[in-house]
Amino acid sequence: MINKSSRLNSKIFEKDIEMVANRQGYGEGLVAAGEKDEKVVVLSADLKESTRSILFEERFPERYIEVGVAEQALATLAAGMANYGKIPFISSYAAFSPGRNWEQIRTTIALNDVPVKIAGAHAGLTVGPDGATHQMLEDISIMRAMPNMIVVNPCDCLEAKKATMEAAKNGKPTYLRFAREKTPVFTSDDTPFKIGRVETFWESKDPQVAIIACGPLVYEALLAAKELEKKGIESLVINCHTIKPLDEQAIIRAAKTTGAVVTVEENQITGGLGGAVAEVLAKNFPTPMEFIGMPDSFGESGAPDELLEKYKMKSKDIIEAVKRVLGRKSS
């Protein structure tokens, strides 16, 4: 059942649930952060409308910088500004930032440990018709491997706003990952959020499996939990929005409570959330696991929902993964 302490949207499973792209929350979060701290500045690589950094430009034009199609310069300029006391957010598609400017992010931002915030929009498979070149599915993996880098993948637009506002205050290099497509707004203004701490959104009385998810696919995990309950399978659903630093103690507790884990992400399985969870459990509490994510493959052009269906990231696929892991747990 829904964990009451998570204070989720009361319409969470209704057909008329509001649908908003989580990148909209990023734009609103920029404005809110800018109102609280005049050191916040925003740089964009010719994608202010798509990344929603246009909202910041409209509110604070004197603190907005248009770099143009120059993602390497985007990162390097921001690093210099951060070194002199600013709090820069750099905005582009994830395929370009960190995809194209990873070396500049590494050398000028992470190596110097300066508080630049990298916003990678249009990440994941649900970029849809833009196809494989724009479906950035490796960004969680490559940014998680970066020393000093915090990695956050918000589940909906409200959490994206909270993550953006909190990132502005954390004093660290931070990667924020956003999707293109409109997705359900299933949290609320009162849903707890803290970078580095998971939240349990679904908690049965005697859970047999922990479903640990990030990004908009957290909603698919909740749909799966609801159906599993009908089949007599009790579960936990954990919103693991922060992939780095991982809330290791919470992950270990979930594994000890249930004895089986399924991870869910819109990223390559290799090196992403699933890999991070597996590393923690291998060291502390070896546990049967299944992984929902991109199976060492590039995507293709198609409607977002069709692609999630093809690459087995829907609630029905999570249910099948739960059955598989429970089979191994009992063997």
Protein backbone atom coordinates (compact mmCIF):
# COMPACT_ATOMS: atom_id res chain seq x y z
CA MET A 1 0.00 0.00 0.00
CA ILE A 2 1.03 3.63 -0.44
CA ASN A 3 3.34 4.74 2.36
CA LYS A 4 1.42 7.55 4.07
CA SER A 5 4.60 9.29 5.19
CA SER A 6 5.52 9.79 1.52
CA ARG A 7 2.51 12.12 1.14
CA LEU A 8 1.99 11.31 -2.53
CA ASN A 9 -0.60 12.82 -4.86
CA SER A 10 -4.09 11.64 -3.85
CA LYS A 11 -4.89 11.03 -7.55
CA ILE A 12 -1.88 8.79 -8.02
CA PHE A 13 -3.73 5.91 -9.71
CA GLU A 14 -6.55 7.88 -11.36
CA LYS A 15 -6.89 8.31 -15.10
CA ASP A 16 -6.97 12.10 -14.91
CA ILE A 17 -3.66 12.40 -13.09
CA GLU A 18 -1.80 15.51 -14.24
CA MET A 19 0.94 14.97 -16.82
CA VAL A 20 3.91 17.38 -16.91
CA ALA A 21 7.46 16.98 -18.19
CA ASN A 22 9.90 16.96 -15.27
CA ARG A 23 12.14 19.46 -17.12
CA GLN A 24 9.39 22.01 -16.38
CA GLY A 25 10.18 21.51 -12.71
CA TYR A 26 13.80 22.29 -13.49
CA GLY A 27 12.84 25.65 -15.01
CA GLU A 28 10.62 26.51 -12.06
CA GLY A 29 13.33 25.39 -9.65
CA LEU A 30 15.85 27.68 -11.34
CA VAL A 31 13.58 30.68 -10.79
CA ALA A 32 12.99 29.74 -7.15
CA ALA A 33 16.73 29.22 -6.55
CA GLY A 34 17.51 32.51 -8.27
CA GLU A 35 15.07 34.35 -6.04
CA LYS A 36 16.76 32.96 -2.94
CA ASP A 37 20.36 33.53 -4.02
CA GLU A 38 21.65 36.19 -6.43
CA LYS A 39 24.77 34.08 -7.07
CA VAL A 40 22.69 31.63 -9.13
CA VAL A 41 23.32 32.06 -12.87
CA VAL A 42 22.12 29.98 -15.82
CA LEU A 43 23.95 29.16 -19.04
CA SER A 44 22.34 27.44 -22.02
CA ALA A 45 23.64 25.91 -25.23
CA ASP A 46 20.95 27.21 -27.60
CA LEU A 47 18.20 25.11 -25.99
CA LYS A 48 16.56 27.46 -23.51
CA GLU A 49 12.99 26.59 -24.55
CA SER A 50 13.47 22.81 -24.52
CA THR A 51 15.38 22.77 -21.24
CA ARG A 52 12.97 25.31 -19.70
CA SER A 53 15.87 27.55 -18.63
CA ILE A 54 13.91 30.19 -20.54
CA LEU A 55 11.88 30.66 -17.35
CA PHE A 56 15.03 31.88 -15.59
CA GLU A 57 15.95 34.15 -18.51
CA GLU A 58 12.53 35.79 -18.39
CA ARG A 59 12.84 36.42 -14.64
CA PHE A 60 16.56 37.26 -14.44
CA PRO A 61 17.82 38.26 -17.91
CA GLU A 62 20.96 39.83 -16.44
CA ARG A 63 21.95 36.46 -14.95
CA TYR A 64 21.28 34.37 -18.05
CA ILE A 65 24.04 33.62 -20.59
CA GLU A 66 23.41 32.15 -24.03
CA VAL A 67 26.52 30.27 -25.10
CA GLY A 68 25.17 28.88 -28.36
CA VAL A 69 25.95 25.46 -29.81
CA ALA A 70 29.22 25.12 -27.88
CA GLU A 71 28.81 22.60 -25.10
CA GLN A 72 32.53 22.41 -24.27
CA ALA A 73 32.59 26.18 -23.76
CA LEU A 74 29.37 25.87 -21.74
CA ALA A 75 31.12 23.69 -19.14
CA THR A 76 34.38 25.63 -19.10
CA LEU A 77 32.76 29.06 -18.72
CA ALA A 78 30.62 27.76 -15.88
CA ALA A 79 33.66 26.30 -14.11
CA GLY A 80 35.37 29.69 -14.20
CA MET A 81 32.27 31.44 -12.88
CA ALA A 82 31.94 28.90 -10.07
CA ASN A 83 35.58 29.40 -9.15
CA TYR A 84 34.79 33.07 -8.56
CA GLY A 85 31.76 32.53 -6.36
CA LYS A 86 28.82 32.05 -8.73
CA ILE A 87 26.46 29.05 -8.69
CA PRO A 88 26.12 28.17 -12.39
CA PHE A 89 23.54 25.83 -13.90
CA ILE A 90 24.37 24.65 -17.42
CA SER A 91 21.47 23.44 -19.57
CA SER A 92 21.46 21.28 -22.68
CA TYR A 93 20.31 17.89 -23.93
CA ALA A 94 21.98 15.03 -22.05
CA ALA A 95 23.30 13.69 -25.37
CA PHE A 96 25.38 16.88 -25.63
CA SER A 97 25.99 17.67 -21.96
CA PRO A 98 27.48 15.46 -20.54
CA GLY A 99 27.61 13.52 -23.82
CA ARG A 100 29.75 15.94 -25.82
CA ASN A 101 31.53 17.86 -23.06
CA TRP A 102 32.35 15.08 -20.62
CA GLU A 103 36.09 15.86 -20.73
CA GLN A 104 35.51 19.54 -19.91
CA ILE A 105 33.16 18.58 -17.08
CA ARG A 106 35.80 16.19 -15.77
CA THR A 107 38.78 18.53 -15.99
CA THR A 108 37.34 21.97 -15.24
CA ILE A 109 34.41 21.14 -12.95
CA ALA A 110 34.85 17.80 -11.15
CA LEU A 111 38.63 17.87 -10.81
CA ASN A 112 38.46 21.35 -9.30
CA ASP A 113 35.38 20.40 -7.24
CA VAL A 114 33.51 23.60 -8.13
CA PRO A 115 29.71 23.80 -7.70
CA VAL A 116 28.52 23.74 -11.30
CA LYS A 117 25.14 22.05 -11.83
CA ILE A 118 24.83 20.12 -15.10
CA ALA A 119 21.23 19.75 -16.29
CA GLY A 120 20.88 16.97 -18.86
CA ALA A 121 17.44 17.25 -20.45
CA HIS A 122 15.78 14.85 -22.91
CA ALA A 123 17.61 11.93 -21.27
CA GLY A 124 16.54 8.33 -21.57
CA LEU A 125 14.60 6.27 -24.07
CA THR A 126 11.46 8.41 -24.06
CA VAL A 127 13.02 11.10 -26.25
CA GLY A 128 11.18 8.87 -28.69
CA PRO A 129 11.16 9.94 -32.36
CA ASP A 130 14.55 11.69 -32.06
CA GLY A 131 16.08 8.22 -32.12
CA ALA A 132 19.27 6.60 -30.89
CA THR A 133 21.56 9.62 -31.33
CA HIS A 134 19.51 11.69 -28.89
CA GLN A 135 18.40 8.93 -26.51
CA MET A 136 21.12 9.38 -23.91
CA LEU A 137 21.18 6.10 -22.01
CA GLU A 138 24.71 6.16 -20.61
CA ASP A 139 24.70 9.42 -18.67
CA ILE A 140 23.95 8.00 -15.23
CA SER A 141 26.79 5.53 -15.72
CA ILE A 142 29.41 8.01 -16.91
CA MET A 143 28.52 10.67 -14.37
CA ARG A 144 28.36 8.20 -11.47
CA ALA A 145 31.96 7.23 -12.27
CA MET A 146 33.08 10.87 -12.06
CA PRO A 147 34.83 11.75 -8.75
CA ASN A 148 33.17 14.56 -6.74
CA MET A 149 29.97 14.35 -8.85
CA ILE A 150 26.50 14.05 -7.33
CA VAL A 151 23.94 12.35 -9.62
CA VAL A 152 20.18 12.93 -9.26
CA ASN A 153 17.32 11.62 -11.42
CA PRO A 154 14.00 13.12 -10.20
CA CYS A 155 10.80 11.10 -10.59
CA ASP A 156 8.42 13.92 -11.64
CA CYS A 157 8.23 17.68 -12.14
CA LEU A 158 7.67 18.52 -8.48
CA GLU A 159 10.65 16.49 -7.39
CA ALA A 160 12.68 18.05 -10.21
CA LYS A 161 11.94 21.50 -8.79
CA LYS A 162 12.99 20.38 -5.30
CA ALA A 163 16.17 18.77 -6.64
CA THR A 164 17.11 21.93 -8.54
CA MET A 165 16.58 24.14 -5.50
CA GLU A 166 18.55 21.81 -3.25
CA ALA A 167 21.38 21.46 -5.78
CA ALA A 168 21.77 25.24 -5.74
CA LYS A 169 22.69 25.03 -2.06
CA ASN A 170 24.86 21.91 -1.87
CA GLY A 171 28.20 23.43 -2.89
CA LYS A 172 29.11 20.43 -5.09
CA PRO A 173 29.28 19.48 -8.78
CA THR A 174 25.86 17.98 -9.47
CA TYR A 175 24.27 16.22 -12.43
CA LEU A 176 20.49 16.59 -12.73
CA ARG A 177 18.76 14.31 -15.24
CA PHE A 178 15.44 15.20 -16.88
CA ALA A 179 13.16 13.52 -19.41
CA ARG A 180 11.47 15.08 -22.43
CA GLU A 181 8.05 13.45 -22.30
CA LYS A 182 5.19 14.47 -20.05
CA THR A 183 4.91 12.02 -17.17
CA PRO A 184 2.53 11.61 -14.20
CA VAL A 185 2.81 14.12 -11.36
CA PHE A 186 2.44 11.59 -8.56
CA THR A 187 4.31 13.32 -5.73
CA SER A 188 3.06 16.45 -3.97
CA ASP A 189 4.53 19.65 -2.60
CA ASP A 190 4.69 17.88 0.78
CA THR A 191 6.49 14.74 -0.41
CA PRO A 192 9.83 14.58 1.42
CA PHE A 193 12.98 15.08 -0.64
CA LYS A 194 16.64 15.26 0.26
CA ILE A 195 19.59 14.63 -2.03
CA GLY A 196 21.30 11.42 -0.88
CA ARG A 197 18.28 9.97 0.92
CA VAL A 198 15.78 7.51 -0.57
CA GLU A 199 12.05 7.66 0.08
CA THR A 200 9.80 4.61 0.41
CA PHE A 201 6.66 5.23 -1.66
CA TRP A 202 5.01 1.80 -1.25
CA GLU A 203 5.30 -0.49 1.75
CA SER A 204 3.40 -3.72 2.30
CA LYS A 205 3.07 -5.29 5.73
CA ASP A 206 5.39 -8.21 4.98
CA PRO A 207 7.32 -7.29 1.79
CA GLN A 208 8.91 -10.10 -0.20
CA VAL A 209 10.80 -7.91 -2.68
CA ALA A 210 12.22 -4.40 -2.86
CA ILE A 211 11.71 -2.51 -6.14
CA ILE A 212 14.30 0.26 -6.28
CA ALA A 213 13.66 2.78 -9.05
CA CYS A 214 14.68 6.23 -10.25
CA GLY A 215 13.27 8.85 -12.61
CA PRO A 216 9.81 8.71 -14.15
CA LEU A 217 9.93 4.90 -14.10
CA VAL A 218 9.25 5.09 -10.35
CA TYR A 219 5.62 5.44 -11.44
CA GLU A 220 5.80 2.17 -13.39
CA ALA A 221 7.22 0.55 -10.25
CA LEU A 222 4.22 1.76 -8.24
CA LEU A 223 1.82 0.41 -10.88
CA ALA A 224 3.63 -2.92 -10.65
CA ALA A 225 3.40 -2.95 -6.84
CA LYS A 226 -0.34 -2.36 -6.99
CA GLU A 227 -0.84 -5.29 -9.37
CA LEU A 228 1.52 -7.52 -7.40
CA GLU A 229 -0.53 -6.92 -4.27
CA LYS A 230 -3.59 -8.25 -6.10
CA LYS A 231 -1.59 -11.42 -6.81
CA GLY A 232 -0.62 -11.78 -3.15
CA ILE A 233 2.95 -10.57 -3.61
CA GLU A 234 3.90 -7.87 -1.14
CA SER A 235 6.63 -5.34 -1.92
CA LEU A 236 8.53 -2.18 -1.16
CA VAL A 237 8.91 0.57 -3.77
CA ILE A 238 11.85 2.86 -3.12
CA ASN A 239 12.35 6.13 -4.96
CA CYS A 240 16.13 6.23 -5.30
CA HIS A 241 16.36 9.63 -6.98
CA THR A 242 19.99 10.08 -5.90
CA ILE A 243 22.22 7.51 -7.56
CA LYS A 244 25.34 9.12 -6.11
CA PRO A 245 25.82 9.35 -3.19
CA LEU A 246 23.67 6.26 -2.78
CA ASP A 247 21.71 5.84 0.45
CA GLU A 248 23.60 2.65 1.22
CA GLN A 249 22.10 1.91 4.63
CA ALA A 250 18.56 2.17 3.30
CA ILE A 251 19.42 -0.16 0.41
CA ILE A 252 20.95 -2.69 2.78
CA ARG A 253 17.92 -2.51 5.11
CA ALA A 254 15.58 -3.09 2.17
CA ALA A 255 17.57 -6.13 1.07
CA LYS A 256 17.63 -7.56 4.60
CA THR A 257 13.88 -6.97 4.99
CA THR A 258 12.86 -8.59 1.71
CA GLY A 259 15.68 -10.87 0.56
CA ALA A 260 15.17 -9.93 -3.08
CA VAL A 261 15.70 -6.76 -5.14
CA VAL A 262 14.63 -5.45 -8.56
CA THR A 263 16.15 -2.21 -9.88
CA VAL A 264 14.37 -0.04 -12.44
CA GLU A 265 15.95 2.72 -14.55
CA GLU A 266 15.81 4.33 -18.00
CA ASN A 267 19.57 3.98 -18.45
CA GLN A 268 21.99 1.26 -19.49
CA ILE A 269 21.89 -1.49 -16.90
CA THR A 270 25.69 -1.47 -16.95
CA GLY A 271 27.00 1.07 -14.48
CA GLY A 272 23.69 2.71 -13.64
CA LEU A 273 21.38 2.47 -10.65
CA GLY A 274 21.32 -1.32 -10.84
CA GLY A 275 25.09 -1.49 -10.85
CA ALA A 276 25.31 0.89 -7.90
CA VAL A 277 22.85 -1.17 -5.84
CA ALA A 278 24.58 -4.42 -6.80
CA GLU A 279 27.96 -3.05 -5.68
CA VAL A 280 26.60 -2.13 -2.25
CA LEU A 281 24.81 -5.45 -1.74
CA ALA A 282 27.71 -7.57 -3.02
CA LYS A 283 29.88 -6.04 -0.32
CA ASN A 284 27.38 -5.89 2.54
CA PHE A 285 24.49 -8.32 2.01
CA PRO A 286 24.52 -10.45 -1.17
CA THR A 287 20.95 -10.64 -2.44
CA PRO A 288 19.19 -12.11 -5.52
CA MET A 289 18.62 -9.28 -8.02
CA GLU A 290 16.92 -8.54 -11.33
CA PHE A 291 17.58 -5.46 -13.47
CA ILE A 292 15.11 -3.42 -15.53
CA GLY A 293 16.86 -1.00 -17.89
CA MET A 294 18.50 -0.78 -21.30
CA PRO A 295 20.15 -4.15 -22.06
CA ASP A 296 23.49 -3.06 -23.60
CA SER A 297 21.74 -1.60 -26.63
CA PHE A 298 21.14 1.69 -28.40
CA GLY A 299 17.54 2.80 -28.82
CA GLU A 300 15.61 3.63 -31.97
CA SER A 301 13.01 6.04 -33.25
CA GLY A 302 9.47 5.46 -32.02
CA ALA A 303 6.71 6.65 -29.73
CA PRO A 304 7.91 6.81 -26.10
CA ASP A 305 5.42 4.28 -24.77
CA GLU A 306 6.14 1.88 -27.65
CA LEU A 307 9.85 2.05 -26.87
CA LEU A 308 9.32 1.38 -23.17
CA GLU A 309 7.20 -1.60 -24.23
CA LYS A 310 9.81 -2.95 -26.66
CA TYR A 311 12.73 -2.61 -24.26
CA LYS A 312 10.73 -4.07 -21.34
CA MET A 313 10.55 -1.13 -18.95
CA LYS A 314 6.80 -1.16 -18.27
CA SER A 315 5.01 -2.25 -15.10
CA LYS A 316 4.26 -5.70 -16.56
CA ASP A 317 8.00 -6.21 -17.13
CA ILE A 318 8.73 -5.22 -13.54
CA ILE A 319 6.16 -7.78 -12.42
CA GLU A 320 7.89 -10.50 -14.45
CA ALA A 321 11.27 -9.48 -13.00
CA VAL A 322 9.78 -9.76 -9.50
CA LYS A 323 8.55 -13.27 -10.25
CA ARG A 324 11.99 -14.27 -11.54
CA VAL A 325 13.84 -12.95 -8.53
CA LEU A 326 11.38 -14.52 -6.10
CA GLY A 327 11.91 -17.83 -7.87
CA ARG A 328 15.64 -17.56 -7.24
CA LYS A 329 15.07 -16.41 -3.68
CA SER A 330 13.11 -19.53 -2.81
CA SER A 331 15.35 -21.99 -4.67
